[in-house]
N, C-alpha and C. Protein backbone atom coordinates (compact mmCIF):
# COMPACT_ATOMS: atom_id res chain seq x y z
N MET A 1 1.10 -1.18 0.14
CA MET A 1 -0.16 0.11 0.29
C MET A 1 0.64 1.04 0.22
N ARG A 2 0.28 1.92 -1.08
CA ARG A 2 1.19 3.11 -0.75
C ARG A 2 1.16 4.04 0.47
N SER A 3 1.46 4.89 0.63
CA SER A 3 1.81 5.79 1.81
C SER A 3 0.63 7.21 0.92
N PRO A 4 0.13 7.88 2.12
CA PRO A 4 -0.53 8.84 1.70
C PRO A 4 -0.22 10.79 0.80
N ALA A 5 1.21 10.49 1.24
CA ALA A 5 2.65 11.07 -0.16
C ALA A 5 2.37 10.87 -1.10
N THR A 6 2.28 10.03 -1.76
CA THR A 6 3.03 9.33 -2.96
C THR A 6 1.71 8.80 -3.69
N GLN A 7 0.71 8.66 -2.74
CA GLN A 7 -0.40 8.16 -3.78
C GLN A 7 -1.11 9.22 -4.82
N PRO A 8 -1.70 8.90 -5.47
CA PRO A 8 -1.85 10.12 -6.74
C PRO A 8 -3.22 11.18 -6.67
N TYR A 9 -3.32 12.07 -6.91
CA TYR A 9 -4.32 12.58 -6.37
C TYR A 9 -5.92 11.98 -7.11
N LEU A 10 -6.52 11.51 -6.54
CA LEU A 10 -7.91 11.06 -6.44
C LEU A 10 -8.47 11.60 -8.10
N HIS A 11 -8.59 12.89 -7.90
CA HIS A 11 -9.98 13.06 -8.72
C HIS A 11 -8.77 13.29 -10.10
N GLY A 12 -7.70 13.43 -10.23
CA GLY A 12 -6.60 14.05 -10.76
C GLY A 12 -6.84 15.65 -11.28
N SER A 13 -5.50 16.15 -11.77
CA SER A 13 -5.06 17.69 -11.82
C SER A 13 -5.06 18.43 -13.10
N LYS A 14 -5.66 17.32 -14.65
CA LYS A 14 -5.50 17.90 -15.50
C LYS A 14 -6.66 18.67 -15.94
N PRO A 15 -6.61 19.91 -16.75
CA PRO A 15 -7.53 20.38 -16.77
C PRO A 15 -8.87 20.20 -17.33
N LYS A 16 -9.22 19.21 -18.07
CA LYS A 16 -10.15 18.51 -18.61
C LYS A 16 -11.44 18.29 -16.95
N GLU A 17 -10.53 17.33 -16.10
CA GLU A 17 -10.96 17.34 -14.50
C GLU A 17 -11.05 18.36 -14.33
N GLN A 18 -9.74 19.58 -14.22
CA GLN A 18 -10.93 20.22 -13.25
C GLN A 18 -11.62 21.04 -13.43
N ARG A 19 -12.61 21.21 -14.85
CA ARG A 19 -13.56 21.96 -15.24
C ARG A 19 -14.69 20.98 -14.83
N ARG A 20 -14.26 19.47 -14.62
CA ARG A 20 -15.57 18.47 -14.15
C ARG A 20 -15.66 18.79 -13.27
N LEU A 21 -15.11 19.11 -11.74
CA LEU A 21 -14.67 19.12 -10.83
C LEU A 21 -15.49 21.25 -10.25
N SER A 22 -15.22 21.85 -10.95
CA SER A 22 -15.40 23.06 -10.60
C SER A 22 -17.06 23.22 -10.76
N GLY A 23 -17.62 22.39 -12.25
CA GLY A 23 -18.88 22.19 -12.13
C GLY A 23 -19.69 21.80 -10.91
N MET A 24 -19.38 20.85 -10.97
CA MET A 24 -20.13 19.98 -9.70
C MET A 24 -19.73 20.79 -8.64
N ASN A 25 -18.55 21.71 -8.26
CA ASN A 25 -18.75 22.60 -6.95
C ASN A 25 -20.07 23.35 -7.06
N GLU A 26 -20.00 23.96 -8.04
CA GLU A 26 -20.80 25.32 -8.29
C GLU A 26 -22.43 24.47 -7.80
N LEU A 27 -22.67 23.76 -7.96
CA LEU A 27 -23.82 23.15 -7.42
C LEU A 27 -24.15 22.40 -5.96
N LEU A 28 -22.91 22.10 -5.15
CA LEU A 28 -22.72 21.88 -3.69
C LEU A 28 -22.33 22.61 -3.34
N ASN A 29 -21.56 24.29 -3.19
CA ASN A 29 -21.77 25.40 -2.57
C ASN A 29 -22.36 26.13 -1.93
N ALA A 30 -23.68 26.49 -2.86
CA ALA A 30 -24.88 26.81 -1.39
C ALA A 30 -25.13 26.36 -0.58
N ALA A 31 -25.97 25.16 -1.04
CA ALA A 31 -26.27 24.85 0.19
C ALA A 31 -25.64 24.41 1.32
N CYS A 32 -24.21 24.30 1.12
CA CYS A 32 -23.52 24.04 2.15
C CYS A 32 -22.85 25.37 3.01
N LEU A 33 -22.57 26.21 2.32
CA LEU A 33 -22.31 27.62 3.04
C LEU A 33 -23.95 28.09 3.89
N ARG A 34 -25.77 27.65 2.94
CA ARG A 34 -26.22 28.11 4.33
C ARG A 34 -26.33 27.07 5.82
N GLU A 35 -25.51 25.64 5.35
CA GLU A 35 -25.50 24.63 6.46
C GLU A 35 -24.56 25.77 7.71
N LEU A 36 -23.52 26.00 7.29
CA LEU A 36 -22.52 26.95 7.85
C LEU A 36 -22.44 28.76 8.68
N ALA A 37 -23.16 28.97 8.75
CA ALA A 37 -23.44 30.14 8.89
C ALA A 37 -22.59 30.66 8.98
N LEU A 38 -21.63 31.39 8.24
CA LEU A 38 -20.38 31.54 8.54
C LEU A 38 -20.58 33.47 9.18
N ALA A 39 -19.91 33.56 9.59
CA ALA A 39 -19.62 35.30 10.58
C ALA A 39 -18.43 35.77 10.67
N PRO A 40 -19.10 37.26 10.40
CA PRO A 40 -17.72 38.19 9.93
C PRO A 40 -17.13 37.99 10.81
N GLY A 41 -15.33 37.64 10.77
CA GLY A 41 -14.35 37.25 12.02
C GLY A 41 -13.80 36.16 11.83
N ASP A 42 -14.76 34.99 11.36
CA ASP A 42 -14.85 33.72 11.82
C ASP A 42 -13.30 33.27 10.76
N ALA A 43 -12.66 32.36 12.07
CA ALA A 43 -11.25 31.29 10.87
C ALA A 43 -11.54 30.60 10.38
N ILE A 44 -11.27 30.49 9.22
CA ILE A 44 -12.08 29.11 8.19
C ILE A 44 -10.53 28.26 7.57
N LEU A 45 -10.63 27.15 7.90
CA LEU A 45 -9.68 26.26 7.61
C LEU A 45 -9.97 25.34 7.06
N ASP A 46 -9.69 25.49 5.69
CA ASP A 46 -10.18 24.23 4.18
C ASP A 46 -9.01 23.41 3.77
N VAL A 47 -8.91 21.90 4.41
CA VAL A 47 -7.73 21.38 4.24
C VAL A 47 -8.05 20.57 3.30
N GLY A 48 -7.53 20.54 1.92
CA GLY A 48 -8.07 19.57 0.58
C GLY A 48 -8.99 20.71 0.37
N SER A 49 -8.02 21.86 0.09
CA SER A 49 -9.03 23.02 -0.47
C SER A 49 -9.25 23.13 -2.67
N GLY A 50 -8.61 21.85 -2.65
CA GLY A 50 -8.89 21.95 -3.97
C GLY A 50 -8.49 22.94 -5.35
N LEU A 51 -9.40 23.34 -5.82
CA LEU A 51 -9.61 24.26 -6.84
C LEU A 51 -10.04 25.48 -6.03
N GLY A 52 -10.13 26.19 -5.21
CA GLY A 52 -10.75 26.49 -3.98
C GLY A 52 -11.63 27.63 -3.84
N GLN A 53 -12.60 26.74 -5.01
CA GLN A 53 -13.86 27.87 -5.26
C GLN A 53 -14.86 27.87 -3.67
N PHE A 54 -14.50 26.70 -3.16
CA PHE A 54 -15.27 26.87 -1.86
C PHE A 54 -15.03 27.35 -1.51
N THR A 55 -13.36 27.76 -0.78
CA THR A 55 -12.37 28.26 0.23
C THR A 55 -12.79 29.63 -0.33
N ARG A 56 -12.76 30.37 -1.26
CA ARG A 56 -13.24 31.60 -1.84
C ARG A 56 -14.83 32.34 -0.91
N ASP A 57 -15.91 31.04 -2.05
CA ASP A 57 -17.39 30.69 -1.44
C ASP A 57 -17.12 31.18 0.12
N MET A 58 -16.62 30.56 1.03
CA MET A 58 -16.38 30.91 2.50
C MET A 58 -16.24 32.11 2.71
N ALA A 59 -14.74 31.91 2.11
CA ALA A 59 -14.36 33.96 2.77
C ALA A 59 -15.14 35.17 1.96
N ARG A 60 -15.88 34.78 1.54
CA ARG A 60 -16.95 36.06 0.79
C ARG A 60 -17.95 36.17 1.58
N ALA A 61 -18.97 34.62 2.02
CA ALA A 61 -20.11 34.54 3.57
C ALA A 61 -19.60 35.00 4.17
N ALA A 62 -18.07 34.81 5.06
CA ALA A 62 -17.65 35.35 6.16
C ALA A 62 -17.47 36.49 6.43
N GLY A 63 -16.99 37.61 5.40
CA GLY A 63 -17.09 38.63 4.32
C GLY A 63 -15.78 39.34 5.36
N THR A 64 -16.48 40.64 5.92
CA THR A 64 -14.92 41.11 6.29
C THR A 64 -14.61 40.87 8.22
N GLY A 65 -13.05 40.93 8.14
CA GLY A 65 -12.18 40.29 9.11
C GLY A 65 -12.40 39.03 9.05
N ALA A 66 -12.78 37.91 7.98
CA ALA A 66 -12.69 36.73 7.77
C ALA A 66 -11.27 36.51 7.68
N ARG A 67 -10.72 35.16 8.73
CA ARG A 67 -9.25 34.70 8.07
C ARG A 67 -9.51 33.24 8.22
N VAL A 68 -8.86 33.46 5.84
CA VAL A 68 -9.44 31.88 5.72
C VAL A 68 -7.96 31.37 4.90
N LEU A 69 -7.53 30.22 5.92
CA LEU A 69 -6.61 29.08 5.02
C LEU A 69 -6.66 28.04 4.28
N GLY A 70 -6.68 28.15 2.86
CA GLY A 70 -6.67 26.69 2.34
C GLY A 70 -5.28 25.92 2.18
N ILE A 71 -5.51 24.76 2.07
CA ILE A 71 -4.42 23.67 2.59
C ILE A 71 -4.59 22.79 1.74
N GLU A 72 -3.37 22.68 0.66
CA GLU A 72 -4.10 21.77 -0.70
C GLU A 72 -2.53 20.92 -1.29
N ARG A 73 -2.67 19.25 -1.05
CA ARG A 73 -1.46 18.32 -1.10
C ARG A 73 -1.39 18.48 -2.73
N ASP A 74 -2.00 18.74 -4.03
CA ASP A 74 -1.63 18.50 -5.16
C ASP A 74 -1.33 20.11 -5.75
N ARG A 75 0.21 20.05 -6.32
CA ARG A 75 0.59 21.52 -6.36
C ARG A 75 -0.41 22.19 -7.26
N ARG A 76 -0.85 20.85 -8.39
CA ARG A 76 -1.56 21.74 -9.44
C ARG A 76 -3.09 22.60 -9.47
N GLN A 77 -3.26 21.50 -8.19
CA GLN A 77 -4.40 21.83 -8.33
C GLN A 77 -4.98 23.40 -7.11
N LEU A 78 -3.49 23.97 -6.65
CA LEU A 78 -2.98 24.46 -5.65
C LEU A 78 -2.86 25.76 -7.08
N ALA A 79 -1.68 25.55 -7.82
CA ALA A 79 -1.50 26.33 -8.88
C ALA A 79 -3.19 26.87 -8.78
N GLU A 80 -3.90 26.00 -9.34
CA GLU A 80 -5.42 26.55 -10.28
C GLU A 80 -5.70 27.47 -8.98
N ALA A 81 -6.17 27.18 -8.47
CA ALA A 81 -6.80 27.48 -7.24
C ALA A 81 -6.67 29.03 -7.15
N GLN A 82 -5.13 28.93 -7.62
CA GLN A 82 -4.46 30.51 -7.00
C GLN A 82 -4.65 31.67 -8.37
N ARG A 83 -5.12 30.92 -9.77
CA ARG A 83 -5.22 31.12 -10.65
C ARG A 83 -6.18 32.03 -10.69
N GLN A 84 -7.81 30.82 -10.43
CA GLN A 84 -8.63 31.08 -10.83
C GLN A 84 -9.22 32.02 -9.92
N ALA A 85 -8.45 32.25 -8.22
CA ALA A 85 -8.56 33.41 -7.96
C ALA A 85 -8.12 34.87 -8.04
N GLN A 86 -6.92 35.11 -8.72
CA GLN A 86 -6.65 35.68 -9.58
C GLN A 86 -7.95 36.51 -10.82
N LEU A 87 -8.13 35.26 -11.38
CA LEU A 87 -8.89 35.72 -12.47
C LEU A 87 -10.16 36.50 -11.96
N ALA A 88 -10.86 35.71 -10.79
CA ALA A 88 -11.57 36.53 -10.04
C ALA A 88 -11.32 37.69 -9.62
N GLY A 89 -10.45 38.51 -8.95
CA GLY A 89 -10.32 39.48 -8.41
C GLY A 89 -10.07 39.24 -7.03
N GLU A 90 -9.91 38.36 -6.46
CA GLU A 90 -9.96 37.26 -5.19
C GLU A 90 -8.49 37.26 -4.32
N SER A 91 -7.61 37.53 -4.91
CA SER A 91 -6.21 37.13 -4.80
C SER A 91 -5.86 37.20 -3.06
N ASP A 92 -6.46 38.50 -2.63
CA ASP A 92 -6.21 38.32 -0.75
C ASP A 92 -7.40 37.62 -0.09
N LEU A 93 -8.85 37.31 -0.56
CA LEU A 93 -9.54 36.60 0.06
C LEU A 93 -8.92 35.03 0.31
N VAL A 94 -7.75 34.32 0.35
CA VAL A 94 -7.30 33.41 1.22
C VAL A 94 -5.87 33.54 0.92
N GLU A 95 -5.40 32.56 2.37
CA GLU A 95 -4.70 32.46 1.81
C GLU A 95 -3.97 31.37 1.72
N TRP A 96 -2.92 30.83 0.64
CA TRP A 96 -3.29 29.73 -0.26
C TRP A 96 -1.55 28.75 0.52
N ARG A 97 -1.77 27.58 0.73
CA ARG A 97 -0.52 26.74 1.53
C ARG A 97 -0.67 25.57 0.89
N TYR A 98 0.60 24.85 -0.26
CA TYR A 98 0.78 23.64 0.02
C TYR A 98 1.09 22.94 1.17
N SER A 99 0.72 21.88 1.52
CA SER A 99 0.99 20.50 2.84
C SER A 99 0.65 19.41 2.54
N LEU A 100 1.79 18.35 3.27
CA LEU A 100 0.99 17.33 3.39
C LEU A 100 0.70 16.95 4.82
N CYS A 101 -0.71 17.31 4.84
CA CYS A 101 -1.30 18.06 6.89
C CYS A 101 -0.74 16.90 7.88
N TRP A 102 -0.96 15.66 6.88
CA TRP A 102 -0.90 14.51 7.89
C TRP A 102 0.32 14.51 8.51
N ALA A 103 1.36 14.76 7.33
CA ALA A 103 3.04 14.78 7.40
C ALA A 103 3.96 16.04 8.19
N GLU A 104 2.74 16.67 7.72
CA GLU A 104 3.91 18.30 8.76
C GLU A 104 3.40 18.37 9.98
N GLY A 105 1.40 18.43 9.91
CA GLY A 105 0.73 19.53 10.77
C GLY A 105 1.16 20.58 9.97
N VAL A 106 0.17 21.21 10.99
CA VAL A 106 -0.82 22.90 10.08
C VAL A 106 -0.31 23.71 11.48
N ARG A 107 0.46 24.93 11.35
CA ARG A 107 1.34 25.54 12.07
C ARG A 107 -0.34 26.64 11.74
N GLU A 108 -0.28 27.20 13.51
CA GLU A 108 -1.23 28.45 13.69
C GLU A 108 -0.82 29.37 12.47
N MET A 109 -1.99 29.80 12.35
CA MET A 109 -2.73 30.91 11.23
C MET A 109 -2.04 32.02 11.66
N LYS A 110 -1.29 32.83 11.30
CA LYS A 110 -0.71 33.94 11.23
C LYS A 110 -1.86 35.35 11.06
């Protein structure tokens, strides 16, 4: 059995798969946000943030003063999340980090 660090990303990181995942995210995120009931000033940690769509949705929902950290183990997914955030003019909503959390741990949010 492979260690988590060497297993391939479950969904894949190719552009076609990223587009498919983006479409699925759009369908699911609104219902999840209603259940979370985020508020201004919340600290939000998204482990396995993938393309970052839900991470940015949470940041917008929490509004002013929210601190949002998106952690992703796949560098291609992380790069695409940052690209999408930049295209949407939302580069400052989320702090993005690459990490193998189970191996490295997560340090306190700055």
